[in-house]
N, C-alpha and C. Protein backbone atom coordinates (compact mmCIF):
# COMPACT_ATOMS: atom_id res chain seq x y z
N MET A 1 -16.90 15.28 -36.43
CA MET A 1 -16.62 13.88 -36.24
C MET A 1 -17.91 13.09 -36.50
N THR A 2 -17.82 12.14 -37.39
CA THR A 2 -19.01 11.37 -37.74
C THR A 2 -19.12 10.13 -36.87
N ASP A 3 -20.28 9.52 -36.92
CA ASP A 3 -20.48 8.31 -36.14
C ASP A 3 -19.60 7.17 -36.64
N THR A 4 -19.28 7.16 -37.91
CA THR A 4 -18.37 6.15 -38.47
C THR A 4 -16.98 6.28 -37.87
N GLN A 5 -16.52 7.51 -37.73
CA GLN A 5 -15.20 7.74 -37.14
C GLN A 5 -15.17 7.32 -35.67
N VAL A 6 -16.24 7.62 -34.97
CA VAL A 6 -16.31 7.22 -33.56
C VAL A 6 -16.29 5.71 -33.43
N LEU A 7 -17.05 5.02 -34.27
CA LEU A 7 -17.08 3.56 -34.23
C LEU A 7 -15.73 2.96 -34.62
N GLU A 8 -15.04 3.59 -35.57
CA GLU A 8 -13.72 3.11 -35.97
C GLU A 8 -12.72 3.26 -34.82
N ILE A 9 -12.76 4.38 -34.12
CA ILE A 9 -11.88 4.60 -32.97
C ILE A 9 -12.18 3.57 -31.88
N ALA A 10 -13.46 3.37 -31.61
CA ALA A 10 -13.85 2.39 -30.58
C ALA A 10 -13.42 0.99 -30.97
N GLN A 11 -13.58 0.63 -32.24
CA GLN A 11 -13.18 -0.69 -32.70
C GLN A 11 -11.67 -0.87 -32.58
N ASN A 12 -10.91 0.14 -33.00
CA ASN A 12 -9.45 0.06 -32.88
C ASN A 12 -9.00 -0.02 -31.43
N ALA A 13 -9.69 0.68 -30.55
CA ALA A 13 -9.35 0.63 -29.12
C ALA A 13 -9.62 -0.75 -28.54
N MET A 14 -10.74 -1.36 -28.95
CA MET A 14 -11.06 -2.71 -28.46
C MET A 14 -10.07 -3.74 -28.98
N ILE A 15 -9.66 -3.60 -30.23
CA ILE A 15 -8.67 -4.51 -30.79
C ILE A 15 -7.34 -4.35 -30.06
N MET A 16 -6.96 -3.11 -29.79
CA MET A 16 -5.70 -2.87 -29.07
C MET A 16 -5.76 -3.45 -27.66
N ALA A 17 -6.87 -3.25 -26.97
CA ALA A 17 -7.01 -3.80 -25.62
C ALA A 17 -6.94 -5.32 -25.64
N SER A 18 -7.54 -5.93 -26.65
CA SER A 18 -7.48 -7.39 -26.77
C SER A 18 -6.06 -7.87 -27.04
N LYS A 19 -5.35 -7.17 -27.94
CA LYS A 19 -3.97 -7.55 -28.23
C LYS A 19 -3.08 -7.44 -27.01
N LEU A 20 -3.30 -6.40 -26.20
CA LEU A 20 -2.45 -6.19 -25.04
C LEU A 20 -2.80 -7.13 -23.89
N ALA A 21 -4.06 -7.50 -23.78
CA ALA A 21 -4.47 -8.37 -22.68
C ALA A 21 -4.24 -9.85 -22.98
N MET A 22 -4.16 -10.22 -24.25
CA MET A 22 -4.09 -11.62 -24.62
C MET A 22 -2.90 -12.37 -24.01
N PRO A 23 -1.68 -11.85 -24.06
CA PRO A 23 -0.58 -12.62 -23.46
C PRO A 23 -0.77 -12.86 -21.96
N LEU A 24 -1.28 -11.86 -21.26
CA LEU A 24 -1.48 -12.02 -19.82
C LEU A 24 -2.60 -13.01 -19.51
N LEU A 25 -3.70 -12.90 -20.24
CA LEU A 25 -4.84 -13.79 -20.00
C LEU A 25 -4.51 -15.23 -20.37
N LEU A 26 -3.81 -15.43 -21.49
CA LEU A 26 -3.44 -16.79 -21.88
C LEU A 26 -2.47 -17.41 -20.88
N THR A 27 -1.54 -16.61 -20.38
CA THR A 27 -0.61 -17.10 -19.37
C THR A 27 -1.34 -17.53 -18.11
N ALA A 28 -2.23 -16.68 -17.63
CA ALA A 28 -2.99 -17.02 -16.43
C ALA A 28 -3.85 -18.25 -16.66
N LEU A 29 -4.45 -18.37 -17.84
CA LEU A 29 -5.27 -19.54 -18.15
C LEU A 29 -4.44 -20.81 -18.17
N LEU A 30 -3.31 -20.79 -18.87
CA LEU A 30 -2.48 -21.99 -18.97
C LEU A 30 -1.91 -22.40 -17.61
N ILE A 31 -1.44 -21.44 -16.83
CA ILE A 31 -0.92 -21.76 -15.51
C ILE A 31 -2.04 -22.27 -14.61
N GLY A 32 -3.21 -21.69 -14.71
CA GLY A 32 -4.34 -22.13 -13.90
C GLY A 32 -4.74 -23.56 -14.22
N VAL A 33 -4.78 -23.90 -15.51
CA VAL A 33 -5.13 -25.27 -15.90
C VAL A 33 -4.05 -26.24 -15.42
N PHE A 34 -2.79 -25.87 -15.60
CA PHE A 34 -1.69 -26.73 -15.16
C PHE A 34 -1.72 -26.97 -13.66
N VAL A 35 -1.91 -25.93 -12.89
CA VAL A 35 -1.96 -26.07 -11.43
C VAL A 35 -3.19 -26.87 -11.01
N SER A 36 -4.30 -26.68 -11.69
CA SER A 36 -5.50 -27.45 -11.38
C SER A 36 -5.29 -28.93 -11.64
N LEU A 37 -4.60 -29.24 -12.73
CA LEU A 37 -4.29 -30.64 -13.01
C LEU A 37 -3.41 -31.25 -11.92
N ILE A 38 -2.41 -30.49 -11.50
CA ILE A 38 -1.54 -30.99 -10.43
C ILE A 38 -2.31 -31.14 -9.13
N GLN A 39 -3.18 -30.20 -8.82
CA GLN A 39 -3.99 -30.30 -7.61
C GLN A 39 -4.92 -31.50 -7.67
N THR A 40 -5.46 -31.77 -8.85
CA THR A 40 -6.36 -32.91 -8.99
C THR A 40 -5.61 -34.23 -8.84
N VAL A 41 -4.44 -34.31 -9.43
CA VAL A 41 -3.65 -35.55 -9.36
C VAL A 41 -3.16 -35.80 -7.93
N THR A 42 -2.70 -34.74 -7.27
CA THR A 42 -2.14 -34.91 -5.92
C THR A 42 -3.19 -34.77 -4.83
N GLN A 43 -4.39 -34.38 -5.19
CA GLN A 43 -5.50 -34.16 -4.25
C GLN A 43 -5.16 -33.12 -3.18
N ILE A 44 -4.33 -32.17 -3.55
CA ILE A 44 -4.04 -31.03 -2.67
C ILE A 44 -4.96 -29.90 -3.11
N GLN A 45 -5.87 -29.52 -2.26
CA GLN A 45 -6.86 -28.50 -2.63
C GLN A 45 -6.60 -27.20 -1.87
N GLU A 46 -5.43 -26.66 -2.04
CA GLU A 46 -5.06 -25.39 -1.40
C GLU A 46 -5.36 -24.25 -2.37
N MET A 47 -6.19 -23.31 -1.96
CA MET A 47 -6.61 -22.23 -2.85
C MET A 47 -5.46 -21.28 -3.19
N THR A 48 -4.55 -21.08 -2.27
CA THR A 48 -3.46 -20.14 -2.53
C THR A 48 -2.38 -20.74 -3.41
N LEU A 49 -2.41 -22.04 -3.63
CA LEU A 49 -1.39 -22.69 -4.44
C LEU A 49 -1.41 -22.20 -5.89
N SER A 50 -2.55 -21.86 -6.41
CA SER A 50 -2.61 -21.40 -7.80
C SER A 50 -2.26 -19.92 -7.94
N PHE A 51 -2.28 -19.19 -6.85
CA PHE A 51 -2.06 -17.75 -6.92
C PHE A 51 -0.60 -17.40 -7.22
N VAL A 52 0.33 -18.01 -6.50
CA VAL A 52 1.74 -17.65 -6.63
C VAL A 52 2.29 -17.97 -8.03
N PRO A 53 2.04 -19.16 -8.58
CA PRO A 53 2.56 -19.40 -9.94
C PRO A 53 1.99 -18.44 -10.98
N LYS A 54 0.72 -18.06 -10.83
CA LYS A 54 0.12 -17.12 -11.77
C LYS A 54 0.80 -15.76 -11.68
N VAL A 55 1.04 -15.29 -10.47
CA VAL A 55 1.68 -13.98 -10.29
C VAL A 55 3.09 -13.99 -10.87
N VAL A 56 3.83 -15.06 -10.61
CA VAL A 56 5.19 -15.16 -11.13
C VAL A 56 5.18 -15.22 -12.66
N ALA A 57 4.30 -16.04 -13.22
CA ALA A 57 4.24 -16.18 -14.68
C ALA A 57 3.81 -14.87 -15.34
N ILE A 58 2.84 -14.19 -14.77
CA ILE A 58 2.40 -12.92 -15.36
C ILE A 58 3.50 -11.87 -15.23
N GLY A 59 4.23 -11.90 -14.13
CA GLY A 59 5.37 -10.99 -14.00
C GLY A 59 6.43 -11.25 -15.06
N LEU A 60 6.70 -12.52 -15.35
CA LEU A 60 7.66 -12.85 -16.39
C LEU A 60 7.17 -12.43 -17.77
N VAL A 61 5.88 -12.61 -18.02
CA VAL A 61 5.32 -12.18 -19.30
C VAL A 61 5.43 -10.67 -19.43
N LEU A 62 5.17 -9.94 -18.35
CA LEU A 62 5.30 -8.47 -18.41
C LEU A 62 6.74 -8.05 -18.64
N ILE A 63 7.68 -8.79 -18.07
CA ILE A 63 9.10 -8.46 -18.28
C ILE A 63 9.47 -8.67 -19.74
N PHE A 64 9.03 -9.79 -20.31
CA PHE A 64 9.41 -10.11 -21.69
C PHE A 64 8.57 -9.39 -22.73
N ALA A 65 7.28 -9.20 -22.48
CA ALA A 65 6.40 -8.60 -23.48
C ALA A 65 6.06 -7.15 -23.18
N GLY A 66 6.52 -6.64 -22.05
CA GLY A 66 6.18 -5.27 -21.66
C GLY A 66 6.65 -4.22 -22.66
N ASN A 67 7.84 -4.42 -23.21
CA ASN A 67 8.37 -3.47 -24.18
C ASN A 67 7.50 -3.44 -25.43
N TRP A 68 7.10 -4.61 -25.90
CA TRP A 68 6.21 -4.69 -27.06
C TRP A 68 4.87 -4.04 -26.76
N MET A 69 4.33 -4.31 -25.58
CA MET A 69 3.03 -3.74 -25.20
C MET A 69 3.10 -2.22 -25.15
N LEU A 70 4.17 -1.71 -24.57
CA LEU A 70 4.34 -0.25 -24.49
C LEU A 70 4.46 0.37 -25.87
N ARG A 71 5.24 -0.27 -26.76
CA ARG A 71 5.37 0.25 -28.13
C ARG A 71 4.03 0.26 -28.85
N GLU A 72 3.25 -0.80 -28.68
CA GLU A 72 1.94 -0.86 -29.32
C GLU A 72 1.03 0.27 -28.82
N MET A 73 1.06 0.53 -27.51
CA MET A 73 0.24 1.61 -26.95
C MET A 73 0.69 2.97 -27.46
N VAL A 74 2.00 3.16 -27.55
CA VAL A 74 2.53 4.44 -28.02
C VAL A 74 2.16 4.66 -29.48
N VAL A 75 2.30 3.64 -30.33
CA VAL A 75 1.95 3.78 -31.74
C VAL A 75 0.45 4.06 -31.89
N PHE A 76 -0.37 3.35 -31.12
CA PHE A 76 -1.81 3.59 -31.18
C PHE A 76 -2.14 5.02 -30.76
N SER A 77 -1.53 5.49 -29.68
CA SER A 77 -1.79 6.85 -29.21
C SER A 77 -1.31 7.89 -30.21
N GLN A 78 -0.14 7.66 -30.80
CA GLN A 78 0.37 8.60 -31.79
C GLN A 78 -0.54 8.66 -33.02
N ASN A 79 -1.02 7.49 -33.44
CA ASN A 79 -1.93 7.47 -34.59
C ASN A 79 -3.24 8.18 -34.25
N LEU A 80 -3.73 7.98 -33.04
CA LEU A 80 -4.98 8.63 -32.63
C LEU A 80 -4.81 10.14 -32.57
N TRP A 81 -3.73 10.58 -31.93
CA TRP A 81 -3.48 12.02 -31.82
C TRP A 81 -3.22 12.62 -33.20
N GLY A 82 -2.53 11.86 -34.07
CA GLY A 82 -2.25 12.36 -35.42
C GLY A 82 -3.49 12.49 -36.28
N SER A 83 -4.51 11.72 -35.97
CA SER A 83 -5.73 11.75 -36.78
C SER A 83 -6.74 12.77 -36.27
N ILE A 84 -6.46 13.45 -35.19
CA ILE A 84 -7.40 14.44 -34.64
C ILE A 84 -7.72 15.56 -35.63
N PRO A 85 -6.74 16.11 -36.37
CA PRO A 85 -7.09 17.18 -37.32
C PRO A 85 -8.11 16.74 -38.38
N SER A 86 -8.09 15.48 -38.76
CA SER A 86 -9.06 15.03 -39.77
C SER A 86 -10.46 14.90 -39.21
N PHE A 87 -10.59 14.86 -37.90
CA PHE A 87 -11.91 14.74 -37.28
C PHE A 87 -12.64 16.09 -37.22
N ALA A 88 -11.88 17.17 -37.25
CA ALA A 88 -12.47 18.49 -37.06
C ALA A 88 -13.26 18.97 -38.28
N GLY A 89 -13.01 18.38 -39.41
CA GLY A 89 -13.64 18.88 -40.63
C GLY A 89 -14.92 18.26 -40.89
């Protein structure tokens, strides 16, 4: 296994992690900004107020995007395992 192959695997893993984390992180960011705006307008500064909507929204994203995320992980793992014989030479 060459250093180029190791770097390629690491790069592909980082890209996959970014693809899988992006829907969850964007959801949490958008809900956080929205709740912060509402808190600013209403002057309600309750720290737990932002927690519940984020948990619910992330749960909904996992319900809707979970199947896609799982398929992406399975394809990545299959490709990685399938490429192992080429690393041995």
